[in-house]
Amino acid sequence: MIRKRLDISSVEIGKTELDCSGSRHLCRVDRITSSGAALNCLGFLRDTRPGDRVVLHASAEAGDIACRVTAIAAGKIRLRFEE
């Protein structure tokens, strides 16, 4: 089940995975707030656009987190958590 709300204390700052239309990317969480996160991802996210829905796999405790892409550039991506 995909979570829609997030307890940011359960997210590990560091390694995480981002699922973009079935393609998983290793990422590092640079910043996180109660409404979203900024990630630095390995590889180029060429098929991902602002407005796309993605799933953040942050930690076992946090589970899968539904997000929407707000900005993307050269491996850096900003997300807004879905409510």
Protein backbone atom coordinates (compact mmCIF):
# COMPACT_ATOMS: atom_id res chain seq x y z
CA MET A 1 0.00 0.00 0.00
CA ILE A 2 1.28 3.45 -0.90
CA ARG A 3 1.32 5.94 1.94
CA LYS A 4 -0.08 9.38 1.35
CA ARG A 5 1.09 10.98 4.59
CA LEU A 6 4.62 10.90 5.90
CA ASP A 7 6.28 10.95 9.28
CA ILE A 8 9.55 12.60 8.25
CA SER A 9 11.32 11.18 11.30
CA SER A 10 10.96 7.72 9.70
CA VAL A 11 12.85 8.72 6.53
CA GLU A 12 16.56 7.97 6.42
CA ILE A 13 18.54 10.90 5.08
CA GLY A 14 20.81 9.17 2.65
CA LYS A 15 20.13 6.29 0.28
CA THR A 16 16.62 5.78 -1.02
CA GLU A 17 14.95 4.65 -4.24
CA LEU A 18 12.62 6.51 -6.56
CA ASP A 19 10.22 4.57 -8.80
CA CYS A 20 9.42 6.52 -11.98
CA SER A 21 6.98 4.57 -14.17
CA GLY A 22 8.52 1.24 -13.20
CA SER A 23 12.12 2.41 -13.52
CA ARG A 24 13.94 2.55 -10.16
CA HIS A 25 16.72 5.03 -9.44
CA LEU A 26 19.05 5.16 -6.45
CA CYS A 27 18.89 8.57 -4.81
CA ARG A 28 20.15 10.54 -1.84
CA VAL A 29 17.74 12.71 0.14
CA ASP A 30 19.23 16.22 0.27
CA ARG A 31 16.33 17.97 2.01
CA ILE A 32 13.00 16.89 3.41
CA THR A 33 10.05 18.76 4.88
CA SER A 34 6.52 17.77 5.82
CA SER A 35 5.34 18.65 2.29
CA GLY A 36 8.13 17.37 0.05
CA ALA A 37 11.73 16.42 -0.58
CA ALA A 38 14.74 17.27 -2.73
CA LEU A 39 16.72 14.30 -4.06
CA ASN A 40 19.96 13.79 -5.93
CA CYS A 41 19.56 10.71 -8.15
CA LEU A 42 22.06 8.53 -9.98
CA GLY A 43 21.55 8.45 -13.71
CA PHE A 44 19.47 10.60 -15.98
CA LEU A 45 15.71 10.70 -15.39
CA ARG A 46 14.94 11.38 -19.06
CA ASP A 47 11.34 10.15 -19.13
CA THR A 48 10.31 12.01 -15.97
CA ARG A 49 8.59 15.41 -16.18
CA PRO A 50 7.16 17.91 -13.68
CA GLY A 51 3.66 16.79 -12.75
CA ASP A 52 4.46 13.06 -13.05
CA ARG A 53 3.47 10.76 -10.21
CA VAL A 54 6.32 8.76 -8.67
CA VAL A 55 6.81 6.53 -5.64
CA LEU A 56 9.53 7.16 -3.07
CA HIS A 57 10.88 4.08 -1.25
CA ALA A 58 12.49 5.89 1.68
CA SER A 59 12.83 3.22 4.39
CA ALA A 60 11.10 0.13 5.73
CA GLU A 61 9.38 2.22 8.42
CA ALA A 62 8.17 4.90 6.02
CA GLY A 63 6.98 2.44 3.38
CA ASP A 64 6.12 3.58 -0.15
CA ILE A 65 5.32 7.29 -0.41
CA ALA A 66 3.21 8.70 -3.25
CA CYS A 67 4.71 11.91 -4.68
CA ARG A 68 4.41 14.30 -7.58
CA VAL A 69 7.45 15.73 -9.37
CA THR A 70 7.64 19.53 -9.06
CA ALA A 71 11.05 20.15 -10.67
CA ILE A 72 13.78 18.13 -12.34
CA ALA A 73 17.24 18.95 -13.73
CA ALA A 74 20.41 16.90 -14.29
CA GLY A 75 19.78 14.16 -11.72
CA LYS A 76 18.25 16.49 -9.14
CA ILE A 77 14.54 16.16 -8.51
CA ARG A 78 12.08 17.88 -6.20
CA LEU A 79 8.95 16.11 -5.02
CA ARG A 80 5.71 17.09 -3.33
CA PHE A 81 4.11 14.43 -1.15
CA GLU A 82 0.59 13.50 -2.24
CA GLU A 83 -2.19 13.91 0.32
